Protein backbone atom coordinates (compact mmCIF):
# COMPACT_ATOMS: atom_id res chain seq x y z
CA MET A 1 108.62 88.95 92.16
CA LYS A 2 106.36 91.85 93.36
CA ARG A 3 103.09 90.46 95.10
CA LEU A 4 100.75 92.20 92.50
CA GLN A 5 102.83 92.08 89.36
CA GLY A 6 100.85 92.39 86.40
CA LYS A 7 97.67 92.90 88.23
CA ILE A 8 95.03 95.34 87.31
CA ALA A 9 93.53 97.14 90.30
CA ILE A 10 90.71 99.50 90.76
CA VAL A 11 91.00 101.34 94.18
CA THR A 12 88.02 103.64 94.72
CA GLY A 13 88.72 106.58 97.47
CA ALA A 14 92.09 106.61 96.29
CA GLY A 15 92.53 110.37 97.57
CA SER A 16 92.50 111.96 100.65
CA VAL A 17 90.90 114.96 102.48
CA GLY A 18 94.51 116.40 103.59
CA PRO A 19 98.20 115.28 103.62
CA GLY A 20 99.21 111.94 104.80
CA TRP A 21 98.14 108.40 104.64
CA GLY A 22 94.49 107.97 104.42
CA ASN A 23 93.33 104.25 103.82
CA GLY A 24 92.60 104.93 100.12
CA ARG A 25 95.81 106.79 99.18
CA ALA A 26 97.92 104.11 101.04
CA THR A 27 96.43 101.24 99.23
CA ALA A 28 96.79 102.96 95.79
CA VAL A 29 100.36 103.25 96.56
CA ARG A 30 101.21 100.08 98.05
CA PHE A 31 99.37 98.17 95.25
CA ALA A 32 101.47 100.15 92.60
CA GLU A 33 104.62 99.67 94.63
CA GLU A 34 103.99 95.97 94.36
CA GLY A 35 103.55 95.92 90.99
CA ALA A 36 99.87 96.74 90.01
CA LYS A 37 98.71 98.97 87.48
CA VAL A 38 96.38 101.25 89.61
CA PHE A 39 93.07 102.90 88.41
CA ALA A 40 92.85 105.37 91.58
CA VAL A 41 89.14 106.68 91.63
CA ASP A 42 87.96 109.53 93.77
CA ARG A 43 85.44 112.02 93.56
CA ASP A 44 87.60 114.99 93.58
CA PRO A 45 90.57 114.93 91.25
CA GLU A 46 92.49 117.46 93.11
CA ARG A 47 92.72 114.74 96.38
CA LEU A 48 94.49 112.31 93.75
CA ARG A 49 97.26 114.48 93.27
CA GLU A 50 99.35 113.41 96.28
CA THR A 51 98.60 109.88 95.78
CA VAL A 52 99.88 110.10 92.26
CA GLU A 53 103.14 111.71 93.21
CA ARG A 54 103.73 108.95 95.95
CA ALA A 55 102.90 106.14 93.61
CA ARG A 56 105.31 107.37 91.13
CA GLU A 57 107.87 107.94 93.26
CA SER A 58 108.26 103.97 93.23
CA ALA A 59 108.04 103.90 89.66
CA GLY A 60 104.52 102.82 89.98
CA VAL A 61 102.13 102.87 87.23
CA ILE A 62 98.82 104.60 88.26
CA GLU A 63 95.72 106.30 86.13
CA THR A 64 92.99 108.37 87.96
CA CYS A 65 89.82 108.67 86.98
CA SER A 66 86.82 111.36 88.55
CA CYS A 67 83.92 109.27 89.44
CA ASP A 68 80.85 109.61 92.08
CA VAL A 69 80.86 106.04 93.18
CA THR A 70 77.23 106.44 94.55
CA ARG A 71 75.91 107.03 90.95
CA GLY A 72 75.35 103.55 88.91
CA GLU A 73 75.87 105.19 85.44
CA ALA A 74 79.20 106.79 86.71
CA VAL A 75 80.32 103.63 88.08
CA ALA A 76 79.56 101.66 85.13
CA ALA A 77 81.33 103.98 83.04
CA MET A 78 84.44 104.00 85.29
CA VAL A 79 84.52 100.38 85.13
CA ARG A 80 84.63 100.57 81.44
CA ALA A 81 87.10 102.98 81.20
CA CYS A 82 89.39 100.73 82.86
CA VAL A 83 88.79 97.65 80.98
CA ASP A 84 89.26 100.01 77.70
CA LYS A 85 92.50 101.34 79.16
CA TRP A 86 94.07 97.66 80.57
CA GLY A 87 91.86 94.94 79.19
CA ARG A 88 90.78 93.30 82.32
CA ILE A 89 90.15 94.02 86.23
CA ASP A 90 91.87 91.48 88.46
CA VAL A 91 91.21 93.48 91.88
CA LEU A 92 88.78 95.73 93.35
CA VAL A 93 89.09 97.71 96.43
CA ASN A 94 85.90 99.75 97.85
CA ILE A 95 87.27 102.13 99.95
CA VAL A 96 84.73 105.30 99.82
CA GLY A 97 83.16 105.74 103.32
CA GLY A 98 82.96 108.33 106.12
CA SER A 99 80.67 109.12 109.23
CA ALA A 100 78.36 111.53 110.51
CA PRO A 101 77.48 111.94 114.05
CA GLY A 102 74.06 111.21 115.87
CA GLY A 103 71.42 108.42 117.04
CA PRO A 104 68.19 108.02 115.05
CA VAL A 105 66.56 111.08 116.88
CA GLU A 106 69.43 113.67 116.28
CA MET A 107 69.92 112.30 112.64
CA SER A 108 68.10 113.91 109.74
CA GLU A 109 66.62 111.46 107.18
CA ASP A 110 68.56 113.10 104.61
CA VAL A 111 71.88 112.09 106.39
CA TRP A 112 70.80 108.68 106.84
CA ASP A 113 70.22 108.36 103.48
CA ALA A 114 73.53 109.81 102.47
CA GLN A 115 75.21 107.71 104.69
CA VAL A 116 73.70 104.65 102.89
CA ASP A 117 74.68 105.83 99.96
CA PHE A 118 78.15 106.86 100.55
CA ASN A 119 79.11 103.77 102.64
CA LEU A 120 77.29 100.72 101.48
CA LYS A 121 75.40 101.71 98.14
CA SER A 122 79.11 102.54 96.74
CA VAL A 123 80.28 99.26 97.84
CA PHE A 124 77.28 97.27 95.90
CA LEU A 125 77.64 99.49 92.74
CA GLY A 126 81.57 98.55 92.56
CA CYS A 127 80.77 94.81 93.01
CA LYS A 128 77.68 94.96 90.62
CA HIS A 129 79.82 96.67 87.86
CA VAL A 130 82.91 94.73 88.22
CA LEU A 131 81.88 91.19 89.00
CA PRO A 132 80.67 90.61 85.43
CA VAL A 133 84.11 91.48 84.28
CA MET A 134 85.96 89.26 86.86
CA GLU A 135 83.38 86.57 85.93
CA LYS A 136 84.07 86.43 82.37
CA GLN A 137 87.83 86.17 83.21
CA GLY A 138 87.16 83.44 85.56
CA SER A 139 89.32 85.03 88.58
CA GLY A 140 89.46 88.14 90.65
CA ALA A 141 89.77 89.58 94.06
CA ILE A 142 87.32 92.29 95.29
CA VAL A 143 88.58 93.91 99.01
CA ASN A 144 85.79 96.09 100.90
CA ILE A 145 86.67 98.21 103.27
CA ALA A 146 84.37 98.32 106.68
CA SER A 147 84.93 99.52 109.92
CA THR A 148 85.23 98.50 113.74
CA SER A 149 81.76 100.74 114.07
CA GLY A 150 80.44 97.88 112.21
CA LEU A 151 81.28 95.45 115.29
CA ARG A 152 80.97 97.47 118.22
CA TRP A 153 80.40 100.82 120.02
CA THR A 154 83.52 102.69 119.22
CA GLY A 155 83.11 105.82 121.36
CA ALA A 156 80.41 108.06 119.48
CA ALA A 157 76.93 107.93 117.92
CA GLN A 158 77.05 107.39 114.60
CA VAL A 159 74.31 104.98 113.96
CA ALA A 160 74.41 105.43 110.11
CA TYR A 161 77.74 104.71 109.77
CA ALA A 162 77.55 101.85 112.08
CA ALA A 163 75.02 100.25 110.20
CA THR A 164 76.23 100.63 106.78
CA LYS A 165 79.86 99.33 107.71
CA ALA A 166 78.03 96.27 109.34
CA GLY A 167 76.30 96.01 106.34
CA VAL A 168 79.48 96.01 104.00
CA ILE A 169 80.82 92.97 106.05
CA GLN A 170 77.71 91.11 105.44
CA LEU A 171 77.50 91.90 101.68
CA SER A 172 80.86 90.88 101.48
CA ARG A 173 80.15 87.33 102.86
CA VAL A 174 77.11 86.66 100.65
CA VAL A 175 78.95 87.90 97.57
CA ALA A 176 81.81 85.59 98.63
CA VAL A 177 79.86 82.51 98.75
CA GLN A 178 77.89 83.09 95.67
CA TYR A 179 81.01 83.89 93.54
CA ALA A 180 83.37 81.65 94.95
CA PRO A 181 82.49 78.76 92.10
CA LYS A 182 83.54 81.32 89.61
CA GLY A 183 86.96 82.00 90.97
CA ILE A 184 86.38 85.30 92.50
CA ARG A 185 87.24 85.88 96.14
CA VAL A 186 85.66 88.54 98.25
CA ASN A 187 86.87 89.63 101.91
CA THR A 188 86.89 92.54 104.24
CA VAL A 189 89.42 94.80 106.11
CA VAL A 190 87.73 96.33 109.35
CA PRO A 191 90.04 99.37 110.33
CA GLY A 192 89.86 100.79 113.69
CA GLN A 193 90.60 104.32 114.87
CA LEU A 194 93.55 104.96 112.82
CA HIS A 195 95.24 108.33 112.28
CA THR A 196 94.51 109.28 108.98
CA PRO A 197 93.72 112.73 107.49
CA MET A 198 89.92 112.54 108.22
CA VAL A 199 91.10 112.85 112.02
CA GLU A 200 92.14 116.64 111.70
CA ALA A 201 90.12 117.50 108.59
CA ARG A 202 86.57 116.44 110.23
CA LEU A 203 86.54 114.02 113.38
CA ALA A 204 88.34 116.59 115.77
CA ARG A 205 85.87 119.01 115.23
CA GLN A 206 83.07 116.42 115.38
CA ARG A 207 83.94 114.67 118.52
CA ALA A 208 86.44 116.93 120.30
CA GLY A 209 85.67 120.49 119.77
CA GLY A 210 88.76 120.93 117.20
CA ASP A 211 91.24 119.42 119.64
CA VAL A 212 93.45 117.05 117.61
CA GLN A 213 95.57 115.77 120.11
CA GLY A 214 92.78 115.29 122.48
CA LEU A 215 90.84 113.28 120.14
CA LEU A 216 93.99 111.17 119.60
CA ARG A 217 94.62 110.46 123.15
CA GLN A 218 91.14 109.33 123.80
CA ARG A 219 91.43 106.93 120.82
CA LEU A 220 94.93 105.86 121.67
CA ALA A 221 93.50 105.08 125.19
CA ARG A 222 91.29 102.54 123.79
CA ILE A 223 93.99 100.45 121.72
CA PRO A 224 95.74 97.47 123.63
CA LEU A 225 99.25 97.72 121.36
CA GLY A 226 99.35 101.31 122.61
CA ILE A 227 100.60 102.60 119.31
CA GLU A 228 98.70 104.93 116.19
CA GLY A 229 97.78 102.91 112.83
CA ASP A 230 97.08 104.66 109.86
CA GLY A 231 96.20 104.21 106.40
CA ARG A 232 99.47 102.14 105.50
CA ASP A 233 98.25 99.45 107.98
CA THR A 234 94.93 99.03 105.94
CA ALA A 235 96.57 98.97 102.88
CA ASN A 236 98.86 96.16 103.96
CA ALA A 237 96.03 94.13 104.85
CA ALA A 238 94.17 94.81 101.78
CA LEU A 239 97.43 93.96 99.74
CA PHE A 240 97.67 90.63 101.46
CA LEU A 241 93.89 89.71 100.81
CA ALA A 242 94.13 91.16 97.06
CA SER A 243 97.45 88.71 96.58
CA ASP A 244 97.56 85.37 95.61
CA GLU A 245 98.91 84.42 99.07
CA ALA A 246 95.22 84.85 100.08
CA ARG A 247 94.19 82.06 97.22
CA PHE A 248 92.32 80.14 99.90
CA ILE A 249 90.68 83.14 101.67
CA THR A 250 87.16 84.31 100.93
CA GLY A 251 84.31 85.60 102.80
CA ALA A 252 86.64 86.69 105.75
CA GLU A 253 87.35 89.77 107.77
CA ILE A 254 91.01 91.02 108.86
CA VAL A 255 90.32 93.31 111.66
CA VAL A 256 93.35 96.24 111.86
CA ASP A 257 92.53 97.92 114.91
CA GLY A 258 95.53 97.12 117.55
CA GLY A 259 93.28 94.92 119.79
CA MET A 260 90.76 97.63 120.49
CA THR A 261 87.79 95.29 119.79
CA VAL A 262 88.49 92.57 121.55
CA ARG A 263 88.71 94.53 124.94
CA CYS A 264 85.91 94.11 127.09
CA ASP A 265 85.97 97.73 128.99
């Protein structure tokens, strides 16, 4: 029996900025492989093309939806579209997010506001519009994707990203307790410094002058396991938390970072 057989799952940020295994793409594909009908959501429909191809390679069922998850009316419409298509929502995975460099002095107020919308408001809106559907059903699982930057310093000043990802963790805990009596579980995956398409597309330029391999070496040196993770590692943690195997788990976090955050140096 596949672990999500018969489940309806919304995965936001299911596209990717480039080829390879981003968190959203990997999660959408893994869920489809495990029997879920996946409603794959991204702001840019083109970013979903590879996601759909990979999901369908395993005979997975996947539909796409273009949505800006920082806009409440757009999220409400996206949720209605999923319910209209498949009648229910069993799983929501809020994955949309991204970092911007700088501390309070260097960062503009506009960038701060955009980071709050992108990383935290998007999670709030996903929960806001999906929770009533799950409450009516009497069941559901929400998995929010945070970051180890929300737990500790991870090598670069990115104050808005760190603050918003810490906010995702605490938002998840509060909603978990509020909705536990209604049969809804809420948990968080906390990825570390993974090798996703974002490294080549954005981070190497921000932090290493465009030197992708140099940035990867820096990041790998922080990881006790000494190997690179990618979006599939995030996806597998999200899969567990979304599945009935985690039926007694809510308000919890799974850190997926190869041991980085428990180092003291």
